[in-house]
Amino acid sequence: MTEPISYSQIPVELPLDPWLYAYDKPIDCDVCAALDKQCQEAIRQNQHRVAYGAAEEIRRGHPEHDQQPRLGIEVRAGV
């Protein structure tokens, strides 16, 4: 018979879907450029909450984005 584990174990980290960080970045938007940089840096540092927040802010956009062409941005996992 096996004994139950009586010590802490390393938490399981599940992989995140890349679509959580996907967004269309408007061209020539300083705010979105800063958010894009923040998102990419957070992904590199495994700060997933920060990366998701920046990506969500870009997806929400600004009223002036409706007048600009959009460039698709694909965020790769583990960048």
Protein backbone atom coordinates (compact mmCIF):
# COMPACT_ATOMS: atom_id res chain seq x y z
CA MET A 1 0.00 0.00 0.00
CA THR A 2 1.32 3.45 -0.83
CA GLU A 3 1.54 6.28 1.63
CA PRO A 4 -0.11 9.63 0.79
CA ILE A 5 2.25 12.46 -0.06
CA SER A 6 2.84 14.55 3.05
CA TYR A 7 4.99 17.30 1.55
CA SER A 8 4.39 20.14 -0.87
CA GLN A 9 4.92 19.47 -4.53
CA ILE A 10 5.82 21.83 -7.34
CA PRO A 11 2.60 23.33 -8.78
CA VAL A 12 1.51 22.13 -12.19
CA GLU A 13 1.80 24.82 -14.88
CA LEU A 14 -0.58 24.28 -17.75
CA PRO A 15 0.32 25.63 -21.19
CA LEU A 16 -1.57 28.74 -22.27
CA ASP A 17 -3.25 29.07 -25.62
CA PRO A 18 -1.51 31.59 -27.90
CA TRP A 19 -4.86 33.11 -28.90
CA LEU A 20 -5.04 34.72 -25.45
CA TYR A 21 -2.29 37.07 -26.61
CA ALA A 22 -3.46 37.53 -30.22
CA TYR A 23 -4.46 40.99 -31.43
CA ASP A 24 -4.48 43.28 -34.44
CA LYS A 25 -2.07 46.14 -33.84
CA PRO A 26 -3.10 49.41 -35.52
CA ILE A 27 -0.39 51.07 -37.57
CA ASP A 28 1.19 54.28 -36.22
CA CYS A 29 -0.35 54.16 -32.74
CA ASP A 30 2.12 55.04 -29.99
CA VAL A 31 -0.14 53.71 -27.24
CA CYS A 32 -0.53 50.32 -28.91
CA ALA A 33 3.18 50.20 -29.72
CA ALA A 34 3.95 50.61 -26.01
CA LEU A 35 1.34 47.99 -25.10
CA ASP A 36 2.77 45.63 -27.73
CA LYS A 37 6.25 46.03 -26.25
CA GLN A 38 4.86 45.46 -22.75
CA CYS A 39 3.03 42.32 -23.90
CA GLN A 40 6.09 40.82 -25.63
CA GLU A 41 8.33 41.53 -22.63
CA ALA A 42 5.79 40.05 -20.21
CA ILE A 43 5.57 36.88 -22.31
CA ARG A 44 9.37 36.55 -22.21
CA GLN A 45 9.30 36.92 -18.41
CA ASN A 46 6.35 34.50 -17.99
CA GLN A 47 4.16 37.26 -16.55
CA HIS A 48 1.00 35.97 -18.19
CA ARG A 49 -1.46 38.25 -16.40
CA VAL A 50 0.43 41.36 -17.54
CA ALA A 51 0.73 40.04 -21.11
CA TYR A 52 -2.98 39.22 -21.29
CA GLY A 53 -3.90 42.65 -19.91
CA ALA A 54 -1.80 44.44 -22.53
CA ALA A 55 -3.19 42.26 -25.34
CA GLU A 56 -6.73 42.86 -24.13
CA GLU A 57 -6.15 46.63 -24.07
CA ILE A 58 -4.91 46.52 -27.68
CA ARG A 59 -7.92 44.40 -28.74
CA ARG A 60 -10.28 46.90 -27.12
CA GLY A 61 -8.68 49.66 -29.16
CA HIS A 62 -9.35 53.37 -29.37
CA PRO A 63 -11.91 55.33 -31.44
CA GLU A 64 -9.22 56.57 -33.84
CA HIS A 65 -8.33 52.99 -34.78
CA ASP A 66 -11.47 52.71 -36.89
CA GLN A 67 -9.88 55.02 -39.48
CA GLN A 68 -6.59 53.14 -39.78
CA PRO A 69 -5.67 49.98 -41.69
CA ARG A 70 -4.93 47.03 -39.43
CA LEU A 71 -1.90 44.79 -39.44
CA GLY A 72 -2.37 41.25 -38.11
CA ILE A 73 -0.01 40.37 -35.29
CA GLU A 74 0.59 36.75 -34.43
CA VAL A 75 2.08 36.15 -31.01
CA ARG A 76 4.12 32.98 -30.84
CA ALA A 77 4.20 30.95 -27.65
CA GLY A 78 7.51 31.02 -25.82
CA VAL A 79 8.85 34.14 -27.54
